[in-house]
């Protein structure tokens, strides 16, 4: 017969030592005990766990030890939901409560109530399952770029094609669209992958140092040149040179760069010997180079040398479903490191994220979400914390499906309230399974567990 029990990692005193006995072995749970964090981490490496039970000895009020152990377990597997097992006295201590709030999904107070604990663990397990299923979007990613939209699928396909041909590439796209990530991907997939990838931001180099930075210099070439220095081009030997913001390169330097591309040799500043180099060049720009050529700001011959193959990086506003996908990924990655108590975005925040035009693209999104995580004070990120208060869509006539969604959310919230947040009771009253109710709560962003910790009694 198939074993349907769920795996539970229990960390703390053994069942014989703990002030409750016996630890409830049942048909629901396959329990694996670990007396300390190191043993728990070892078990995590051997087996998949979605939920863990953490027992904290009532005689130990060492807040630093508690925080350290909780962080060790979280860092070992940040997808697990941990339920804390504490005495009522311990939970009343403010410094202990803060650790519980920030590092635990839920908690249970002694004396042990097996049925209540089973409900709490069931909630934690179900929500971990939902989170794991939602994280499946990360499978729709390549080269550290997340996306399942048609625009990004085209980007991924083009990257594979460009990597197989050893010709210069021009990557176009607005600032923050991931042009350097695309360049790195082309390099990693090419036959030059074992060689260096050297990135240069042409717009960030001081004008009087560009020559020396790109081509290097000999000792004594100018005042302060007390030793020979290898330039960025030479450093990329047998690899890839990424010239970001190539449109900002001054005209006089464009001549030198063109000579290098034509002759495959460079002269160090102050040197007398030509040095052969074997380098593939990938350039990127957010400006219209064709217009720059027409206006005399960019050399036409250099433009054609660089623009042999090309790749267009789409702006975030044109990537549809990727917007929410990336936002969830960024939030989860950063919150897990900084503030694990944050569970996601409020529904108004999600609407604001989808309505915002994102002029700074992915880079802007990362900055806004990181700031919101640091400054936020709840379990759900709100529009105000993202700085998107003005981007919440105004009230409009709802479609029939939208009206149904509003009604469905209202019924679920009222039923949970009447059931005192007992999900099992609410599911029975709604005549649906508990797992289905979990999914609906996640879909409607119902933060039921944020109202009262450990309320499924």
Protein backbone atom coordinates (compact mmCIF):
# COMPACT_ATOMS: atom_id res chain seq x y z
CA UNK A 1 0.00 0.00 0.00
CA UNK A 2 1.28 3.48 -0.87
CA UNK A 3 2.60 5.43 2.14
CA UNK A 4 0.77 8.78 2.11
CA UNK A 5 2.31 10.10 5.32
CA UNK A 6 4.04 13.48 5.14
CA UNK A 7 7.63 13.85 6.27
CA UNK A 8 8.15 15.98 9.38
CA UNK A 9 11.52 17.11 10.69
CA UNK A 10 11.46 17.49 14.48
CA UNK A 11 14.38 19.31 16.10
CA UNK A 12 14.85 19.47 19.85
CA UNK A 13 14.91 17.14 22.81
CA UNK A 14 14.04 13.54 22.04
CA UNK A 15 10.58 12.27 22.83
CA UNK A 16 11.90 10.62 26.00
CA UNK A 17 13.54 13.81 27.27
CA UNK A 18 10.93 16.40 26.32
CA UNK A 19 8.25 17.47 28.84
CA UNK A 20 5.57 15.77 26.76
CA UNK A 21 5.26 12.09 25.94
CA UNK A 22 4.99 10.39 23.71
CA UNK A 23 5.51 12.58 20.65
CA UNK A 24 2.42 11.81 18.54
CA UNK A 25 3.28 9.19 15.95
CA UNK A 26 0.32 8.87 13.61
CA UNK A 27 -0.80 7.83 10.15
CA UNK A 28 -0.36 11.47 9.04
CA UNK A 29 3.31 12.05 9.80
CA UNK A 30 6.60 10.28 9.17
CA UNK A 31 8.70 11.89 11.91
CA UNK A 32 12.49 12.30 11.74
CA UNK A 33 14.11 13.49 14.97
CA UNK A 34 17.25 15.64 15.25
CA UNK A 35 18.64 16.71 18.67
CA UNK A 36 20.43 19.84 17.36
CA UNK A 37 20.65 22.05 14.22
CA UNK A 38 23.65 20.24 12.72
CA UNK A 39 21.78 16.94 12.84
CA UNK A 40 18.69 18.60 11.35
CA UNK A 41 20.73 20.07 8.50
CA UNK A 42 22.24 16.64 7.82
CA UNK A 43 18.73 15.15 7.58
CA UNK A 44 17.71 17.96 5.20
CA UNK A 45 20.54 16.98 2.88
CA UNK A 46 19.31 13.39 2.79
CA UNK A 47 15.56 13.91 2.47
CA UNK A 48 13.01 16.45 1.30
CA UNK A 49 11.08 18.23 4.06
CA UNK A 50 8.40 20.89 3.66
CA UNK A 51 7.67 21.39 7.35
CA UNK A 52 9.62 21.22 10.59
CA UNK A 53 8.77 21.31 14.29
CA UNK A 54 11.25 23.22 16.46
CA UNK A 55 11.17 22.58 20.22
CA UNK A 56 12.71 25.26 22.43
CA UNK A 57 13.65 24.25 25.99
CA UNK A 58 11.72 26.42 28.47
CA UNK A 59 14.77 26.59 30.75
CA UNK A 60 16.86 28.25 28.03
CA UNK A 61 16.13 31.94 27.51
CA UNK A 62 19.26 32.58 25.46
CA UNK A 63 17.80 34.76 22.70
CA UNK A 64 21.06 34.72 20.74
CA UNK A 65 21.11 30.91 20.64
CA UNK A 66 17.46 30.80 19.56
CA UNK A 67 18.01 33.31 16.75
CA UNK A 68 21.21 31.56 15.64
CA UNK A 69 19.57 28.15 15.48
CA UNK A 70 16.53 29.51 13.62
CA UNK A 71 18.76 31.26 11.08
CA UNK A 72 20.89 28.12 10.59
CA UNK A 73 17.81 26.07 9.78
CA UNK A 74 16.39 28.76 7.52
CA UNK A 75 19.65 29.16 5.59
CA UNK A 76 19.90 25.40 5.11
CA UNK A 77 16.44 25.26 3.49
CA UNK A 78 14.51 28.49 3.09
CA UNK A 79 11.51 26.71 1.54
CA UNK A 80 10.57 24.87 4.72
CA UNK A 81 7.87 26.16 7.06
CA UNK A 82 8.94 25.83 10.68
CA UNK A 83 6.47 25.60 13.55
CA UNK A 84 7.85 26.51 16.96
CA UNK A 85 7.00 24.56 20.12
CA UNK A 86 7.22 26.84 23.17
CA UNK A 87 5.79 27.25 26.62
CA UNK A 88 3.26 30.02 27.15
CA UNK A 89 5.70 31.80 29.46
CA UNK A 90 8.46 31.76 26.83
CA UNK A 91 6.15 33.16 24.14
CA UNK A 92 5.25 36.09 26.39
CA UNK A 93 8.86 37.31 26.45
CA UNK A 94 9.16 40.19 23.92
CA UNK A 95 12.59 39.21 22.59
CA UNK A 96 11.46 35.60 22.08
CA UNK A 97 8.24 36.77 20.41
CA UNK A 98 10.20 38.82 17.90
CA UNK A 99 12.22 35.78 16.83
CA UNK A 100 9.04 33.71 16.52
CA UNK A 101 7.42 36.39 14.38
CA UNK A 102 10.38 36.77 12.03
CA UNK A 103 11.63 33.18 11.68
CA UNK A 104 8.66 30.84 12.19
CA UNK A 105 5.59 30.13 10.11
CA UNK A 106 3.53 29.44 13.23
CA UNK A 107 3.88 28.25 16.83
CA UNK A 108 2.21 25.90 19.33
CA UNK A 109 2.17 26.37 23.09
CA UNK A 110 2.59 23.61 25.66
CA UNK A 111 0.99 21.57 27.12
CA UNK A 112 0.82 19.54 23.95
CA UNK A 113 -2.56 19.29 22.21
CA UNK A 114 -2.01 16.63 19.56
CA UNK A 115 -5.08 17.54 17.50
CA UNK A 116 -4.34 21.27 17.54
CA UNK A 117 -0.68 20.67 16.71
CA UNK A 118 -1.69 18.43 13.81
CA UNK A 119 -3.88 21.22 12.40
CA UNK A 120 -1.04 23.73 12.72
CA UNK A 121 1.46 21.43 11.03
CA UNK A 122 -1.10 20.66 8.33
CA UNK A 123 -1.46 24.35 7.55
CA UNK A 124 2.30 24.80 7.39
CA UNK A 125 2.67 21.79 5.11
CA UNK A 126 -0.15 22.85 2.80
CA UNK A 127 1.16 26.38 2.40
CA UNK A 128 4.67 25.06 1.74
CA UNK A 129 3.22 22.85 -1.01
CA UNK A 130 1.51 25.85 -2.57
CA UNK A 131 4.70 27.94 -2.37
CA UNK A 132 6.67 25.13 -3.98
CA UNK A 133 4.18 24.79 -6.83
CA UNK A 134 4.27 28.55 -7.45
CA UNK A 135 8.06 28.56 -7.48
CA UNK A 136 7.88 26.29 -10.51
CA UNK A 137 8.01 29.50 -12.60
CA UNK A 138 11.74 29.56 -11.97
CA UNK A 139 11.96 26.58 -14.31
CA UNK A 140 10.91 29.05 -17.03
CA UNK A 141 14.29 30.75 -16.76
CA UNK A 142 17.70 30.60 -18.32
CA UNK A 143 21.00 32.32 -17.65
CA UNK A 144 19.70 33.98 -14.42
CA UNK A 145 16.90 35.60 -16.46
CA UNK A 146 13.35 34.69 -15.51
CA UNK A 147 10.59 34.71 -18.07
CA UNK A 148 7.97 32.64 -19.80
CA UNK A 149 6.49 35.39 -22.01
CA UNK A 150 6.77 35.04 -25.80
CA UNK A 151 9.23 37.96 -25.83
CA UNK A 152 11.63 36.22 -23.44
CA UNK A 153 11.29 32.86 -25.15
CA UNK A 154 12.47 34.60 -28.29
CA UNK A 155 15.40 36.07 -26.36
CA UNK A 156 16.44 32.65 -25.05
CA UNK A 157 16.23 31.11 -28.53
CA UNK A 158 18.27 33.95 -30.03
CA UNK A 159 20.96 33.65 -27.36
CA UNK A 160 21.48 29.99 -28.23
CA UNK A 161 21.81 30.85 -31.91
CA UNK A 162 24.24 33.74 -31.34
CA UNK A 163 26.43 31.65 -29.05
CA UNK A 164 27.14 29.14 -31.81
CA UNK A 165 28.53 31.76 -34.23
CA UNK A 166 31.79 33.53 -33.33
CA UNK A 167 30.86 36.98 -34.63
CA UNK A 168 30.44 40.34 -32.93
CA UNK A 169 27.02 41.04 -31.38
CA UNK A 170 25.07 44.22 -30.67
CA UNK A 171 22.54 44.01 -27.81
CA UNK A 172 19.90 46.72 -27.71
CA UNK A 173 17.49 47.53 -24.93
CA UNK A 174 16.48 50.06 -22.32
CA UNK A 175 18.51 50.44 -19.13
CA UNK A 176 17.78 47.65 -16.67
CA UNK A 177 16.55 45.06 -19.17
CA UNK A 178 19.43 42.62 -18.56
CA UNK A 179 21.79 43.31 -21.44
CA UNK A 180 24.88 42.21 -19.49
CA UNK A 181 23.15 38.99 -18.38
CA UNK A 182 22.41 38.24 -22.03
CA UNK A 183 26.05 38.92 -22.95
CA UNK A 184 27.24 36.58 -20.20
CA UNK A 185 24.85 33.90 -21.46
CA UNK A 186 26.18 34.16 -25.01
CA UNK A 187 29.72 33.84 -23.66
CA UNK A 188 28.90 30.87 -21.42
CA UNK A 189 27.31 28.95 -24.29
CA UNK A 190 30.06 29.72 -26.80
CA UNK A 191 33.32 27.88 -27.41
CA UNK A 192 35.01 30.77 -25.56
CA UNK A 193 33.30 29.82 -22.26
CA UNK A 194 36.61 28.74 -20.68
CA UNK A 195 38.11 32.13 -21.50
CA UNK A 196 37.51 35.37 -19.54
CA UNK A 197 34.41 37.55 -19.73
CA UNK A 198 35.50 41.17 -19.31
CA UNK A 199 32.81 43.85 -18.93
CA UNK A 200 33.48 47.56 -19.53
CA UNK A 201 30.96 50.35 -19.02
CA UNK A 202 32.05 52.87 -21.64
CA UNK A 203 29.90 55.59 -20.11
CA UNK A 204 31.53 55.25 -16.68
CA UNK A 205 35.17 55.58 -17.79
CA UNK A 206 36.77 59.04 -17.32
CA UNK A 207 37.51 60.50 -20.76
CA UNK A 208 41.24 60.96 -20.09
CA UNK A 209 41.62 57.34 -18.91
CA UNK A 210 39.65 55.47 -21.58
CA UNK A 211 42.69 54.81 -23.78
CA UNK A 212 44.75 53.36 -20.94
CA UNK A 213 41.81 51.36 -19.54
CA UNK A 214 40.98 49.69 -22.85
CA UNK A 215 44.43 49.26 -24.38
CA UNK A 216 46.72 49.30 -21.34
CA UNK A 217 49.99 51.20 -20.95
CA UNK A 218 53.72 50.67 -20.52
CA UNK A 219 55.69 51.84 -17.53
CA UNK A 220 56.49 55.56 -17.88
CA UNK A 221 53.88 56.13 -20.60
CA UNK A 222 52.58 59.13 -18.63
CA UNK A 223 52.99 60.73 -15.24
CA UNK A 224 52.02 58.20 -12.57
CA UNK A 225 52.46 55.15 -14.82
CA UNK A 226 54.96 53.45 -12.51
CA UNK A 227 54.35 49.98 -13.94
CA UNK A 228 52.97 48.20 -16.99
CA UNK A 229 49.21 47.68 -16.98
CA UNK A 230 47.25 45.24 -19.13
CA UNK A 231 44.17 46.85 -20.70
CA UNK A 232 40.63 45.43 -20.71
CA UNK A 233 40.88 44.26 -24.32
CA UNK A 234 44.06 42.29 -23.70
CA UNK A 235 42.61 40.90 -20.46
CA UNK A 236 39.82 39.34 -22.52
CA UNK A 237 42.27 37.28 -24.62
CA UNK A 238 40.57 34.11 -25.93
CA UNK A 239 37.34 35.22 -24.30
CA UNK A 240 34.64 37.87 -24.63
CA UNK A 241 34.81 41.65 -24.23
CA UNK A 242 31.50 43.24 -23.28
CA UNK A 243 31.33 46.96 -24.11
CA UNK A 244 28.28 48.31 -22.31
CA UNK A 245 26.82 51.70 -23.33
CA UNK A 246 28.99 51.76 -26.45
CA UNK A 247 27.04 54.80 -27.66
CA UNK A 248 28.75 56.90 -24.96
CA UNK A 249 32.25 56.24 -26.33
CA UNK A 250 33.92 59.49 -27.56
CA UNK A 251 34.58 59.79 -31.29
CA UNK A 252 38.37 59.82 -30.96
CA UNK A 253 38.25 56.52 -29.04
CA UNK A 254 35.90 55.05 -31.62
CA UNK A 255 38.74 55.31 -34.16
CA UNK A 256 41.09 53.26 -31.95
CA UNK A 257 38.41 50.67 -31.27
CA UNK A 258 37.69 50.34 -34.99
CA UNK A 259 41.39 49.72 -35.70
CA UNK A 260 41.45 46.95 -33.11
CA UNK A 261 38.36 45.31 -34.65
CA UNK A 262 39.83 45.46 -38.15
CA UNK A 263 43.40 44.40 -37.42
CA UNK A 264 42.92 42.20 -34.33
CA UNK A 265 45.92 43.90 -32.72
CA UNK A 266 46.40 46.60 -30.08
CA UNK A 267 49.16 49.00 -29.05
CA UNK A 268 49.62 49.68 -25.38
CA UNK A 269 49.93 53.38 -24.56
CA UNK A 270 53.62 54.20 -24.68
CA UNK A 271 54.45 50.88 -26.37
CA UNK A 272 56.10 50.18 -29.71
CA UNK A 273 54.94 46.61 -30.41
CA UNK A 274 51.62 45.51 -31.85
CA UNK A 275 50.01 42.81 -29.70
CA UNK A 276 47.72 40.27 -31.41
CA UNK A 277 44.47 39.61 -29.59
CA UNK A 278 41.75 37.01 -30.14
CA UNK A 279 38.63 38.50 -28.58
CA UNK A 280 34.92 38.38 -29.40
CA UNK A 281 33.20 41.72 -28.84
CA UNK A 282 29.63 42.05 -27.58
CA UNK A 283 28.46 45.66 -27.42
CA UNK A 284 25.29 47.01 -25.81
CA UNK A 285 23.44 50.29 -25.94
CA UNK A 286 20.18 51.90 -24.91
CA UNK A 287 20.49 54.74 -27.44
CA UNK A 288 19.46 54.80 -31.10
CA UNK A 289 22.80 54.23 -32.83
CA UNK A 290 21.33 54.77 -36.30
CA UNK A 291 20.31 58.28 -35.28
CA UNK A 292 23.70 58.79 -33.62
CA UNK A 293 25.36 57.85 -36.94
CA UNK A 294 23.14 60.31 -38.83
CA UNK A 295 24.01 63.07 -36.36
CA UNK A 296 27.73 62.33 -36.57
CA UNK A 297 28.05 61.17 -32.95
CA UNK A 298 28.91 57.58 -33.84
CA UNK A 299 31.09 56.26 -36.66
CA UNK A 300 29.17 54.38 -39.33
CA UNK A 301 32.05 51.98 -40.03
CA UNK A 302 32.32 51.10 -36.33
CA UNK A 303 28.56 50.60 -36.17
CA UNK A 304 28.67 47.98 -38.94
CA UNK A 305 31.70 46.26 -37.36
CA UNK A 306 29.82 45.83 -34.09
CA UNK A 307 26.32 45.19 -35.41
CA UNK A 308 27.05 41.94 -37.26
CA UNK A 309 24.56 39.98 -35.15
CA UNK A 310 22.02 41.62 -32.89
CA UNK A 311 19.71 40.89 -29.97
CA UNK A 312 16.77 42.98 -28.74
CA UNK A 313 16.03 42.93 -24.99
CA UNK A 314 12.32 43.70 -24.41
CA UNK A 315 11.28 46.27 -21.77
CA UNK A 316 9.59 44.86 -18.69
CA UNK A 317 6.27 46.56 -19.51
CA UNK A 318 6.03 44.43 -22.68
CA UNK A 319 6.64 41.12 -20.91
CA UNK A 320 3.12 40.46 -19.60
CA UNK A 321 3.01 37.66 -17.05
CA UNK A 322 6.76 37.94 -16.43
CA UNK A 323 6.20 41.08 -14.34
CA UNK A 324 4.50 39.24 -11.47
CA UNK A 325 6.79 36.22 -11.92
CA UNK A 326 9.94 38.34 -11.50
CA UNK A 327 8.46 40.33 -8.62
CA UNK A 328 7.67 37.13 -6.69
CA UNK A 329 11.16 35.76 -7.35
CA UNK A 330 12.93 38.97 -6.26
CA UNK A 331 10.80 39.26 -3.12
CA UNK A 332 11.35 35.64 -2.10
CA UNK A 333 15.11 35.75 -2.68
CA UNK A 334 15.66 39.00 -0.77
CA UNK A 335 13.11 38.50 2.01
CA UNK A 336 14.51 35.06 2.82
CA UNK A 337 17.85 36.70 3.60
CA UNK A 338 16.64 39.87 5.32
CA UNK A 339 13.13 39.39 6.71
CA UNK A 340 11.75 35.82 6.45
CA UNK A 341 8.43 36.86 8.03
CA UNK A 342 7.36 38.55 4.77
CA UNK A 343 5.08 36.19 2.85
CA UNK A 344 4.28 38.06 -0.35
CA UNK A 345 2.49 41.05 -1.87
CA UNK A 346 -0.93 42.36 -0.93
CA UNK A 347 -3.48 42.29 -3.74
CA UNK A 348 -3.34 46.10 -4.17
CA UNK A 349 0.46 45.86 -4.40
CA UNK A 350 0.20 43.22 -7.12
CA UNK A 351 -2.23 45.40 -9.06
CA UNK A 352 0.11 48.38 -8.72
CA UNK A 353 3.08 46.28 -9.87
CA UNK A 354 1.19 45.14 -12.96
CA UNK A 355 -0.01 48.69 -13.72
CA UNK A 356 3.35 50.44 -13.31
CA UNK A 357 5.21 51.26 -16.55
CA UNK A 358 8.62 50.28 -15.10
CA UNK A 359 10.81 52.86 -16.90
CA UNK A 360 13.83 51.43 -15.07
CA UNK A 361 12.80 47.86 -15.93
CA UNK A 362 14.07 44.93 -13.83
CA UNK A 363 16.69 47.06 -12.08
CA UNK A 364 13.98 49.44 -10.87
CA UNK A 365 11.83 46.53 -9.71
CA UNK A 366 14.70 45.03 -7.69
CA UNK A 367 15.42 48.37 -6.01
CA UNK A 368 11.78 49.02 -5.12
CA UNK A 369 11.20 45.53 -3.71
CA UNK A 370 14.41 45.52 -1.66
CA UNK A 371 13.50 48.89 -0.16
CA UNK A 372 9.97 47.65 0.60
CA UNK A 373 11.31 44.57 2.39
CA UNK A 374 13.61 46.65 4.57
CA UNK A 375 11.04 49.35 5.37
CA UNK A 376 7.90 47.21 5.54
CA UNK A 377 6.28 46.27 8.85
CA UNK A 378 3.81 43.53 7.89
CA UNK A 379 3.72 40.07 6.37
CA UNK A 380 2.51 41.42 3.00
CA UNK A 381 4.22 44.16 1.00
CA UNK A 382 1.92 47.12 0.33
CA UNK A 383 1.86 49.67 -2.54
CA UNK A 384 3.03 52.47 -0.24
CA UNK A 385 6.17 50.51 0.68
CA UNK A 386 6.92 50.00 -3.01
CA UNK A 387 6.39 53.69 -3.71
CA UNK A 388 3.57 52.75 -6.09
CA UNK A 389 0.62 54.33 -4.27
CA UNK A 390 -0.36 56.28 -7.39
CA UNK A 391 -0.23 53.18 -9.60
CA UNK A 392 -3.21 51.40 -8.03
CA UNK A 393 -5.84 51.17 -10.79
CA UNK A 394 -8.90 53.36 -10.23
CA UNK A 395 -12.29 51.74 -9.74
CA UNK A 396 -13.74 50.44 -12.98
CA UNK A 397 -16.75 48.36 -13.93
CA UNK A 398 -15.96 44.76 -13.16
CA UNK A 399 -16.26 41.92 -15.60
CA UNK A 400 -18.41 38.96 -14.58
CA UNK A 401 -15.31 36.89 -13.72
CA UNK A 402 -13.95 39.73 -11.58
CA UNK A 403 -17.25 40.03 -9.73
CA UNK A 404 -17.21 36.28 -9.06
CA UNK A 405 -13.66 36.55 -7.72
CA UNK A 406 -14.65 39.36 -5.35
CA UNK A 407 -17.65 37.37 -4.12
CA UNK A 408 -15.57 34.22 -3.70
CA UNK A 409 -12.96 36.06 -1.65
CA UNK A 410 -15.64 37.63 0.54
CA UNK A 411 -17.30 34.26 1.25
CA UNK A 412 -13.94 32.65 2.14
CA UNK A 413 -12.98 35.49 4.48
CA UNK A 414 -16.35 35.45 6.27
CA UNK A 415 -16.31 31.66 6.61
CA UNK A 416 -12.78 31.72 8.03
CA UNK A 417 -13.82 34.40 10.49
CA UNK A 418 -16.86 32.41 11.62
CA UNK A 419 -14.65 29.31 11.97
CA UNK A 420 -12.15 31.35 14.00
CA UNK A 421 -9.51 30.78 11.30
CA UNK A 422 -9.79 27.01 11.60
CA UNK A 423 -9.12 26.04 7.99
CA UNK A 424 -10.40 22.50 8.36
CA UNK A 425 -13.77 23.71 9.69
CA UNK A 426 -13.97 26.42 7.05
CA UNK A 427 -13.26 23.90 4.28
CA UNK A 428 -16.03 21.61 5.54
CA UNK A 429 -18.52 24.51 5.66
CA UNK A 430 -17.54 25.53 2.12
CA UNK A 431 -17.77 21.89 0.98
CA UNK A 432 -14.28 21.88 -0.51
CA UNK A 433 -11.04 20.11 0.38
CA UNK A 434 -8.51 21.73 2.68
CA UNK A 435 -5.90 21.82 -0.12
CA UNK A 436 -8.39 23.58 -2.42
CA UNK A 437 -9.06 26.15 0.28
CA UNK A 438 -5.32 26.74 0.68
CA UNK A 439 -5.04 27.36 -3.05
CA UNK A 440 -7.99 29.77 -3.03
CA UNK A 441 -6.55 31.69 -0.07
CA UNK A 442 -3.24 31.98 -1.88
CA UNK A 443 -4.98 33.04 -5.09
CA UNK A 444 -6.95 35.77 -3.32
CA UNK A 445 -3.99 36.80 -1.11
CA UNK A 446 -5.99 36.16 2.07
CA UNK A 447 -3.51 36.65 4.92
CA UNK A 448 -5.50 34.55 7.37
CA UNK A 449 -2.45 33.40 9.36
CA UNK A 450 -1.33 37.00 9.86
CA UNK A 451 -4.38 37.75 11.99
CA UNK A 452 -3.69 35.31 14.83
CA UNK A 453 -0.64 33.07 15.11
CA UNK A 454 -1.50 29.42 15.75
CA UNK A 455 -5.22 29.94 15.36
CA UNK A 456 -6.22 26.58 13.87
CA UNK A 457 -7.24 25.17 17.21
